[in-house]
Amino acid sequence: MTTTDRSHRRESSEQAEREVSEDQRDNTILNIMLCGASYPWTVDELVREVQDTEAADAVARLTEAGLVHRIGEFVFPTRTARRSDELQVGAI
């Protein structure tokens, strides 16, 4: 195996780890919003709740995916996200 091959594999592995952690972070943020008794949340509240400054990035990804509505600093789960949670879509 060449040095280039090893470097490429390491980069691929690091990329996969980042993607998994992003998915986990997105899931955590969405679950907080779905399980909370009240919403809307502010992005700052979510950052404090999970003690992770990258929570704001998770909110942006969830918004782009259509799972979260964002109005200014306020965010709340879409009706689709709430319904899929009720149906446990993706549950094994």
PDB file of N, CA and C in Angstrom:
ATOM      1  N   MET A   1       0.850  -1.168   0.000  1.00  0.00           N
ATOM      2  CA  MET A   1       0.000   0.000   0.000  1.00  0.00           C
ATOM      3  C   MET A   1       0.896   1.231   0.000  1.00  0.00           C
ATOM      4  N   THR A   2       0.579   2.163  -0.852  1.00  0.00           N
ATOM      5  CA  THR A   2       1.404   3.352  -0.967  1.00  0.00           C
ATOM      6  C   THR A   2       1.020   4.368   0.101  1.00  0.00           C
ATOM      7  N   THR A   3       1.876   5.338   0.281  1.00  0.00           N
ATOM      8  CA  THR A   3       1.612   6.415   1.238  1.00  0.00           C
ATOM      9  C   THR A   3       0.349   7.169   0.854  1.00  0.00           C
ATOM     10  N   THR A   4       0.147   7.366  -0.432  1.00  0.00           N
ATOM     11  CA  THR A   4      -1.046   8.059  -0.926  1.00  0.00           C
ATOM     12  C   THR A   4      -2.304   7.277  -0.573  1.00  0.00           C
ATOM     13  N   ASP A   5      -2.275   5.953  -0.748  1.00  0.00           N
ATOM     14  CA  ASP A   5      -3.421   5.114  -0.416  1.00  0.00           C
ATOM     15  C   ASP A   5      -3.745   5.208   1.075  1.00  0.00           C
ATOM     16  N   ARG A   6      -2.713   5.136   1.919  1.00  0.00           N
ATOM     17  CA  ARG A   6      -2.924   5.225   3.373  1.00  0.00           C
ATOM     18  C   ARG A   6      -3.498   6.588   3.749  1.00  0.00           C
ATOM     19  N   SER A   7      -2.988   7.636   3.134  1.00  0.00           N
ATOM     20  CA  SER A   7      -3.468   8.983   3.413  1.00  0.00           C
ATOM     21  C   SER A   7      -4.932   9.123   3.010  1.00  0.00           C
ATOM     22  N   HIS A   8      -5.272   8.579   1.847  1.00  0.00           N
ATOM     23  CA  HIS A   8      -6.661   8.648   1.364  1.00  0.00           C
ATOM     24  C   HIS A   8      -7.588   7.880   2.300  1.00  0.00           C
ATOM     25  N   ARG A   9      -7.170   6.697   2.740  1.00  0.00           N
ATOM     26  CA  ARG A   9      -7.986   5.899   3.662  1.00  0.00           C
ATOM     27  C   ARG A   9      -8.200   6.636   4.980  1.00  0.00           C
ATOM     28  N   ARG A  10      -7.137   7.272   5.497  1.00  0.00           N
ATOM     29  CA  ARG A  10      -7.240   8.006   6.752  1.00  0.00           C
ATOM     30  C   ARG A  10      -8.213   9.169   6.584  1.00  0.00           C
ATOM     31  N   GLU A  11      -8.110   9.899   5.478  1.00  0.00           N
ATOM     32  CA  GLU A  11      -9.020  11.008   5.227  1.00  0.00           C
ATOM     33  C   GLU A  11     -10.454  10.514   5.108  1.00  0.00           C
ATOM     34  N   SER A  12     -10.669   9.395   4.436  1.00  0.00           N
ATOM     35  CA  SER A  12     -12.011   8.829   4.301  1.00  0.00           C
ATOM     36  C   SER A  12     -12.563   8.428   5.653  1.00  0.00           C
ATOM     37  N   SER A  13     -11.724   7.828   6.481  1.00  0.00           N
ATOM     38  CA  SER A  13     -12.139   7.417   7.815  1.00  0.00           C
ATOM     39  C   SER A  13     -12.506   8.622   8.678  1.00  0.00           C
ATOM     40  N   GLU A  14     -11.685   9.666   8.617  1.00  0.00           N
ATOM     41  CA  GLU A  14     -11.977  10.879   9.379  1.00  0.00           C
ATOM     42  C   GLU A  14     -13.262  11.523   8.899  1.00  0.00           C
ATOM     43  N   GLN A  15     -13.501  11.521   7.597  1.00  0.00           N
ATOM     44  CA  GLN A  15     -14.736  12.079   7.037  1.00  0.00           C
ATOM     45  C   GLN A  15     -15.942  11.285   7.538  1.00  0.00           C
ATOM     46  N   ALA A  16     -15.838   9.971   7.553  1.00  0.00           N
ATOM     47  CA  ALA A  16     -16.938   9.127   8.035  1.00  0.00           C
ATOM     48  C   ALA A  16     -17.226   9.398   9.503  1.00  0.00           C
ATOM     49  N   GLU A  17     -16.193   9.577  10.314  1.00  0.00           N
ATOM     50  CA  GLU A  17     -16.389   9.881  11.728  1.00  0.00           C
ATOM     51  C   GLU A  17     -17.093  11.210  11.917  1.00  0.00           C
ATOM     52  N   ARG A  18     -16.719  12.220  11.129  1.00  0.00           N
ATOM     53  CA  ARG A  18     -17.377  13.519  11.225  1.00  0.00           C
ATOM     54  C   ARG A  18     -18.837  13.413  10.836  1.00  0.00           C
ATOM     55  N   GLU A  19     -19.139  12.653   9.780  1.00  0.00           N
ATOM     56  CA  GLU A  19     -20.521  12.500   9.340  1.00  0.00           C
ATOM     57  C   GLU A  19     -21.359  11.802  10.393  1.00  0.00           C
ATOM     58  N   VAL A  20     -20.818  10.779  11.006  1.00  0.00           N
ATOM     59  CA  VAL A  20     -21.551  10.078  12.065  1.00  0.00           C
ATOM     60  C   VAL A  20     -21.817  11.028  13.211  1.00  0.00           C
ATOM     61  N   SER A  21     -20.831  11.789  13.620  1.00  0.00           N
ATOM     62  CA  SER A  21     -21.031  12.696  14.737  1.00  0.00           C
ATOM     63  C   SER A  21     -22.032  13.798  14.378  1.00  0.00           C
ATOM     64  N   GLU A  22     -22.036  14.242  13.126  1.00  0.00           N
ATOM     65  CA  GLU A  22     -23.034  15.226  12.705  1.00  0.00           C
ATOM     66  C   GLU A  22     -24.429  14.615  12.764  1.00  0.00           C
ATOM     67  N   ASP A  23     -24.571  13.380  12.297  1.00  0.00           N
ATOM     68  CA  ASP A  23     -25.870  12.709  12.359  1.00  0.00           C
ATOM     69  C   ASP A  23     -26.329  12.564  13.803  1.00  0.00           C
ATOM     70  N   GLN A  24     -25.418  12.185  14.674  1.00  0.00           N
ATOM     71  CA  GLN A  24     -25.766  12.038  16.089  1.00  0.00           C
ATOM     72  C   GLN A  24     -26.176  13.381  16.688  1.00  0.00           C
ATOM     73  N   ARG A  25     -25.437  14.424  16.338  1.00  0.00           N
ATOM     74  CA  ARG A  25     -25.752  15.758  16.857  1.00  0.00           C
ATOM     75  C   ARG A  25     -27.118  16.211  16.342  1.00  0.00           C
ATOM     76  N   ASP A  26     -27.374  16.005  15.057  1.00  0.00           N
ATOM     77  CA  ASP A  26     -28.676  16.380  14.487  1.00  0.00           C
ATOM     78  C   ASP A  26     -29.803  15.628  15.192  1.00  0.00           C
ATOM     79  N   ASN A  27     -29.593  14.339  15.410  1.00  0.00           N
ATOM     80  CA  ASN A  27     -30.597  13.516  16.079  1.00  0.00           C
ATOM     81  C   ASN A  27     -30.853  14.014  17.500  1.00  0.00           C
ATOM     82  N   THR A  28     -29.808  14.359  18.205  1.00  0.00           N
ATOM     83  CA  THR A  28     -29.946  14.861  19.574  1.00  0.00           C
ATOM     84  C   THR A  28     -30.749  16.153  19.601  1.00  0.00           C
ATOM     85  N   ILE A  29     -30.411  17.080  18.716  1.00  0.00           N
ATOM     86  CA  ILE A  29     -31.115  18.366  18.675  1.00  0.00           C
ATOM     87  C   ILE A  29     -32.588  18.161  18.332  1.00  0.00           C
ATOM     88  N   LEU A  30     -32.864  17.338  17.340  1.00  0.00           N
ATOM     89  CA  LEU A  30     -34.255  17.098  16.951  1.00  0.00           C
ATOM     90  C   LEU A  30     -35.021  16.429  18.082  1.00  0.00           C
ATOM     91  N   ASN A  31     -34.404  15.463  18.751  1.00  0.00           N
ATOM     92  CA  ASN A  31     -35.075  14.795  19.871  1.00  0.00           C
ATOM     93  C   ASN A  31     -35.371  15.755  21.008  1.00  0.00           C
ATOM     94  N   ILE A  32     -34.471  16.668  21.281  1.00  0.00           N
ATOM     95  CA  ILE A  32     -34.729  17.666  22.328  1.00  0.00           C
ATOM     96  C   ILE A  32     -35.950  18.493  21.967  1.00  0.00           C
ATOM     97  N   MET A  33     -36.029  18.904  20.714  1.00  0.00           N
ATOM     98  CA  MET A  33     -37.172  19.713  20.296  1.00  0.00           C
ATOM     99  C   MET A  33     -38.469  18.915  20.311  1.00  0.00           C
ATOM    100  N   LEU A  34     -38.390  17.640  19.953  1.00  0.00           N
ATOM    101  CA  LEU A  34     -39.604  16.820  19.905  1.00  0.00           C
ATOM    102  C   LEU A  34     -40.072  16.388  21.283  1.00  0.00           C
ATOM    103  N   CYS A  35     -39.150  16.144  22.182  1.00  0.00           N
ATOM    104  CA  CYS A  35     -39.506  15.646  23.515  1.00  0.00           C
ATOM    105  C   CYS A  35     -39.815  16.760  24.499  1.00  0.00           C
ATOM    106  N   GLY A  36     -39.406  17.962  24.170  1.00  0.00           N
ATOM    107  CA  GLY A  36     -39.663  19.087  25.056  1.00  0.00           C
ATOM    108  C   GLY A  36     -41.136  19.418  25.099  1.00  0.00           C
ATOM    109  N   ALA A  37     -41.584  19.822  26.257  1.00  0.00           N
ATOM    110  CA  ALA A  37     -42.997  20.144  26.429  1.00  0.00           C
ATOM    111  C   ALA A  37     -43.365  21.462  25.753  1.00  0.00           C
ATOM    112  N   SER A  38     -42.373  22.297  25.547  1.00  0.00           N
ATOM    113  CA  SER A  38     -42.687  23.588  24.943  1.00  0.00           C
ATOM    114  C   SER A  38     -41.708  23.913  23.827  1.00  0.00           C
ATOM    115  N   TYR A  39     -42.174  24.625  22.876  1.00  0.00           N
ATOM    116  CA  TYR A  39     -41.365  25.202  21.836  1.00  0.00           C
ATOM    117  C   TYR A  39     -42.082  26.438  21.374  1.00  0.00           C
ATOM    118  N   PRO A  40     -41.493  27.361  20.748  1.00  0.00           N
ATOM    119  CA  PRO A  40     -40.217  27.252  20.062  1.00  0.00           C
ATOM    120  C   PRO A  40     -39.038  27.386  21.022  1.00  0.00           C
ATOM    121  N   TRP A  41     -37.920  26.876  20.566  1.00  0.00           N
ATOM    122  CA  TRP A  41     -36.646  27.031  21.253  1.00  0.00           C
ATOM    123  C   TRP A  41     -35.887  28.134  20.537  1.00  0.00           C
ATOM    124  N   THR A  42     -34.935  28.730  21.229  1.00  0.00           N
ATOM    125  CA  THR A  42     -33.987  29.586  20.529  1.00  0.00           C
ATOM    126  C   THR A  42     -32.754  28.732  20.251  1.00  0.00           C
ATOM    127  N   VAL A  43     -31.992  29.126  19.255  1.00  0.00           N
ATOM    128  CA  VAL A  43     -30.770  28.396  18.935  1.00  0.00           C
ATOM    129  C   VAL A  43     -29.834  28.430  20.147  1.00  0.00           C
ATOM    130  N   ASP A  44     -29.753  29.576  20.817  1.00  0.00           N
ATOM    131  CA  ASP A  44     -28.895  29.686  22.007  1.00  0.00           C
ATOM    132  C   ASP A  44     -29.330  28.726  23.111  1.00  0.00           C
ATOM    133  N   GLU A  45     -30.630  28.546  23.296  1.00  0.00           N
ATOM    134  CA  GLU A  45     -31.106  27.595  24.306  1.00  0.00           C
ATOM    135  C   GLU A  45     -30.665  26.172  23.968  1.00  0.00           C
ATOM    136  N   LEU A  46     -30.743  25.815  22.702  1.00  0.00           N
ATOM    137  CA  LEU A  46     -30.313  24.473  22.292  1.00  0.00           C
ATOM    138  C   LEU A  46     -28.810  24.290  22.488  1.00  0.00           C
ATOM    139  N   VAL A  47     -28.050  25.326  22.171  1.00  0.00           N
ATOM    140  CA  VAL A  47     -26.595  25.264  22.377  1.00  0.00           C
ATOM    141  C   VAL A  47     -26.298  25.038  23.858  1.00  0.00           C
ATOM    142  N   ARG A  48     -26.987  25.777  24.723  1.00  0.00           N
ATOM    143  CA  ARG A  48     -26.774  25.601  26.172  1.00  0.00           C
ATOM    144  C   ARG A  48     -27.256  24.242  26.645  1.00  0.00           C
ATOM    145  N   GLU A  49     -28.357  23.775  26.102  1.00  0.00           N
ATOM    146  CA  GLU A  49     -28.930  22.493  26.527  1.00  0.00           C
ATOM    147  C   GLU A  49     -27.967  21.340  26.272  1.00  0.00           C
ATOM    148  N   VAL A  50     -27.350  21.324  25.105  1.00  0.00           N
ATOM    149  CA  VAL A  50     -26.446  20.222  24.764  1.00  0.00           C
ATOM    150  C   VAL A  50     -24.981  20.563  25.054  1.00  0.00           C
ATOM    151  N   GLN A  51     -24.741  21.792  25.487  1.00  0.00           N
ATOM    152  CA  GLN A  51     -23.384  22.258  25.793  1.00  0.00           C
ATOM    153  C   GLN A  51     -22.434  21.993  24.629  1.00  0.00           C
ATOM    154  N   ASP A  52     -22.891  22.375  23.435  1.00  0.00           N
ATOM    155  CA  ASP A  52     -22.117  22.136  22.222  1.00  0.00           C
ATOM    156  C   ASP A  52     -22.355  23.302  21.273  1.00  0.00           C
ATOM    157  N   THR A  53     -21.302  24.044  20.973  1.00  0.00           N
ATOM    158  CA  THR A  53     -21.443  25.199  20.098  1.00  0.00           C
ATOM    159  C   THR A  53     -21.802  24.810  18.669  1.00  0.00           C
ATOM    160  N   GLU A  54     -21.592  23.555  18.301  1.00  0.00           N
ATOM    161  CA  GLU A  54     -21.937  23.109  16.953  1.00  0.00           C
ATOM    162  C   GLU A  54     -23.419  22.762  16.822  1.00  0.00           C
ATOM    163  N   ALA A  55     -24.174  22.957  17.881  1.00  0.00           N
ATOM    164  CA  ALA A  55     -25.617  22.722  17.810  1.00  0.00           C
ATOM    165  C   ALA A  55     -26.270  23.656  16.794  1.00  0.00           C
ATOM    166  N   ALA A  56     -25.721  24.852  16.642  1.00  0.00           N
ATOM    167  CA  ALA A  56     -26.254  25.793  15.657  1.00  0.00           C
ATOM    168  C   ALA A  56     -26.107  25.234  14.242  1.00  0.00           C
ATOM    169  N   ASP A  57     -25.012  24.529  13.989  1.00  0.00           N
ATOM    170  CA  ASP A  57     -24.834  23.881  12.683  1.00  0.00           C
ATOM    171  C   ASP A  57     -25.864  22.774  12.486  1.00  0.00           C
ATOM    172  N   ALA A  58     -26.172  22.056  13.563  1.00  0.00           N
ATOM    173  CA  ALA A  58     -27.179  20.991  13.488  1.00  0.00           C
ATOM    174  C   ALA A  58     -28.541  21.591  13.144  1.00  0.00           C
ATOM    175  N   VAL A  59     -28.865  22.714  13.767  1.00  0.00           N
ATOM    176  CA  VAL A  59     -30.137  23.385  13.463  1.00  0.00           C
ATOM    177  C   VAL A  59     -30.179  23.784  11.992  1.00  0.00           C
ATOM    178  N   ALA A  60     -29.076  24.293  11.477  1.00  0.00           N
ATOM    179  CA  ALA A  60     -29.030  24.685  10.059  1.00  0.00           C
ATOM    180  C   ALA A  60     -29.247  23.472   9.157  1.00  0.00           C
ATOM    181  N   ARG A  61     -28.605  22.350   9.487  1.00  0.00           N
ATOM    182  CA  ARG A  61     -28.785  21.134   8.668  1.00  0.00           C
ATOM    183  C   ARG A  61     -30.226  20.638   8.746  1.00  0.00           C
ATOM    184  N   LEU A  62     -30.812  20.660   9.936  1.00  0.00           N
ATOM    185  CA  LEU A  62     -32.196  20.205  10.094  1.00  0.00           C
ATOM    186  C   LEU A  62     -33.163  21.127   9.361  1.00  0.00           C
ATOM    187  N   THR A  63     -32.863  22.406   9.347  1.00  0.00           N
ATOM    188  CA  THR A  63     -33.695  23.363   8.609  1.00  0.00           C
ATOM    189  C   THR A  63     -33.619  23.084   7.115  1.00  0.00           C
ATOM    190  N   GLU A  64     -32.400  22.867   6.618  1.00  0.00           N
ATOM    191  CA  GLU A  64     -32.218  22.557   5.192  1.00  0.00           C
ATOM    192  C   GLU A  64     -32.914  21.260   4.806  1.00  0.00           C
ATOM    193  N   ALA A  65     -32.986  20.313   5.750  1.00  0.00           N
ATOM    194  CA  ALA A  65     -33.630  19.027   5.478  1.00  0.00           C
ATOM    195  C   ALA A  65     -35.148  19.104   5.587  1.00  0.00           C
ATOM    196  N   GLY A  66     -35.670  20.239   6.045  1.00  0.00           N
ATOM    197  CA  GLY A  66     -37.118  20.399   6.162  1.00  0.00           C
ATOM    198  C   GLY A  66     -37.699  19.800   7.432  1.00  0.00           C
ATOM    199  N   LEU A  67     -36.865  19.559   8.421  1.00  0.00           N
ATOM    200  CA  LEU A  67     -37.342  18.974   9.677  1.00  0.00           C
ATOM    201  C   LEU A  67     -37.556  20.008  10.768  1.00  0.00           C
ATOM    202  N   VAL A  68     -37.039  21.201  10.551  1.00  0.00           N
ATOM    203  CA  VAL A  68     -37.140  22.274  11.538  1.00  0.00           C
ATOM    204  C   VAL A  68     -37.499  23.565  10.810  1.00  0.00           C
ATOM    205  N   HIS A  69     -38.435  24.309  11.394  1.00  0.00           N
ATOM    206  CA  HIS A  69     -38.736  25.656  10.917  1.00  0.00           C
ATOM    207  C   HIS A  69     -37.891  26.621  11.726  1.00  0.00           C
ATOM    208  N   ARG A  70     -37.409  27.645  11.068  1.00  0.00           N
ATOM    209  CA  ARG A  70     -36.638  28.668  11.774  1.00  0.00           C
ATOM    210  C   ARG A  70     -37.199  30.028  11.415  1.00  0.00           C
ATOM    211  N   ILE A  71     -37.536  30.771  12.448  1.00  0.00           N
ATOM    212  CA  ILE A  71     -37.998  32.149  12.286  1.00  0.00           C
ATOM    213  C   ILE A  71     -37.109  33.002  13.175  1.00  0.00           C
ATOM    214  N   GLY A  72     -36.159  33.665  12.561  1.00  0.00           N
ATOM    215  CA  GLY A  72     -35.177  34.429  13.331  1.00  0.00           C
ATOM    216  C   GLY A  72     -34.348  33.480  14.180  1.00  0.00           C
ATOM    217  N   GLU A  73     -34.315  33.725  15.465  1.00  0.00           N
ATOM    218  CA  GLU A  73     -33.575  32.851  16.380  1.00  0.00           C
ATOM    219  C   GLU A  73     -34.440  31.695  16.881  1.00  0.00           C
ATOM    220  N   PHE A  74     -35.733  31.713  16.592  1.00  0.00           N
ATOM    221  CA  PHE A  74     -36.625  30.680  17.088  1.00  0.00           C
ATOM    222  C   PHE A  74     -36.692  29.492  16.128  1.00  0.00           C
ATOM    223  N   VAL A  75     -36.672  28.291  16.692  1.00  0.00           N
ATOM    224  CA  VAL A  75     -36.755  27.072  15.890  1.00  0.00           C
ATOM    225  C   VAL A  75     -37.766  26.129  16.529  1.00  0.00           C
ATOM    226  N   PHE A  76     -38.439  25.370  15.688  1.00  0.00           N
ATOM    227  CA  PHE A  76     -39.381  24.361  16.174  1.00  0.00           C
ATOM    228  C   PHE A  76     -39.526  23.286  15.111  1.00  0.00           C
ATOM    229  N   PRO A  77     -39.865  22.061  15.546  1.00  0.00           N
ATOM    230  CA  PRO A  77     -39.959  20.955  14.584  1.00  0.00           C
ATOM    231  C   PRO A  77     -41.142  21.150  13.646  1.00  0.00           C
ATOM    232  N   THR A  78     -40.965  20.710  12.409  1.00  0.00           N
ATOM    233  CA  THR A  78     -42.053  20.774  11.442  1.00  0.00           C
ATOM    234  C   THR A  78     -43.111  19.737  11.802  1.00  0.00           C
ATOM    235  N   ARG A  79     -44.257  19.891  11.222  1.00  0.00           N
ATOM    236  CA  ARG A  79     -45.323  18.918  11.442  1.00  0.00           C
ATOM    237  C   ARG A  79     -44.890  17.542  10.953  1.00  0.00           C
ATOM    238  N   THR A  80     -44.137  17.510   9.864  1.00  0.00           N
ATOM    239  CA  THR A  80     -43.623  16.247   9.337  1.00  0.00           C
ATOM    240  C   THR A  80     -42.699  15.571  10.341  1.00  0.00           C
ATOM    241  N   ALA A  81     -41.812  16.338  10.951  1.00  0.00           N
ATOM    242  CA  ALA A  81     -40.897  15.774  11.952  1.00  0.00           C
ATOM    243  C   ALA A  81     -41.679  15.246  13.152  1.00  0.00           C
ATOM    244  N   ARG A  82     -42.687  15.998  13.592  1.00  0.00           N
ATOM    245  CA  ARG A  82     -43.486  15.547  14.751  1.00  0.00           C
ATOM    246  C   ARG A  82     -44.250  14.265  14.417  1.00  0.00           C
ATOM    247  N   ARG A  83     -44.827  14.214  13.221  1.00  0.00           N
ATOM    248  CA  ARG A  83     -45.604  13.027  12.825  1.00  0.00           C
ATOM    249  C   ARG A  83     -44.703  11.806  12.650  1.00  0.00           C
ATOM    250  N   SER A  84     -43.538  11.992  12.054  1.00  0.00           N
ATOM    251  CA  SER A  84     -42.638  10.851  11.889  1.00  0.00           C
ATOM    252  C   SER A  84     -42.152  10.350  13.241  1.00  0.00           C
ATOM    253  N   ASP A  85     -42.002  11.264  14.197  1.00  0.00           N
ATOM    254  CA  ASP A  85     -41.635  10.856  15.551  1.00  0.00           C
ATOM    255  C   ASP A  85     -42.763  10.039  16.182  1.00  0.00           C
ATOM    256  N   GLU A  86     -43.988  10.465  15.963  1.00  0.00           N
ATOM    257  CA  GLU A  86     -45.152   9.718  16.487  1.00  0.00           C
ATOM    258  C   GLU A  86     -45.200   8.316  15.886  1.00  0.00           C
ATOM    259  N   LEU A  87     -44.900   8.206  14.610  1.00  0.00           N
ATOM    260  CA  LEU A  87     -44.921   6.911  13.919  1.00  0.00           C
ATOM    261  C   LEU A  87     -43.639   6.118  14.122  1.00  0.00           C
ATOM    262  N   GLN A  88     -42.655   6.754  14.728  1.00  0.00           N
ATOM    263  CA  GLN A  88     -41.338   6.159  14.952  1.00  0.00           C
ATOM    264  C   GLN A  88     -40.702   5.735  13.636  1.00  0.00           C
ATOM    265  N   VAL A  89     -40.773   6.632  12.645  1.00  0.00           N
ATOM    266  CA  VAL A  89     -40.148   6.375  11.358  1.00  0.00           C
ATOM    267  C   VAL A  89     -38.651   6.221  11.571  1.00  0.00           C
ATOM    268  N   GLY A  90     -38.094   5.187  10.991  1.00  0.00           N
ATOM    269  CA  GLY A  90     -36.662   4.936  11.125  1.00  0.00           C
ATOM    270  C   GLY A  90     -36.312   4.094  12.326  1.00  0.00           C
ATOM    271  N   ALA A  91     -37.302   3.772  13.159  1.00  0.00           N
ATOM    272  CA  ALA A  91     -37.035   2.927  14.323  1.00  0.00           C
ATOM    273  C   ALA A  91     -36.877   1.475  13.878  1.00  0.00           C
ATOM    274  N   ILE A  92     -35.995   0.807  14.540  1.00  0.00           N
ATOM    275  CA  ILE A  92     -35.774  -0.601  14.206  1.00  0.00           C
ATOM    276  C   ILE A  92     -36.461  -1.477  15.223  1.00  0.00           C
TER     277      ILE A  92
END
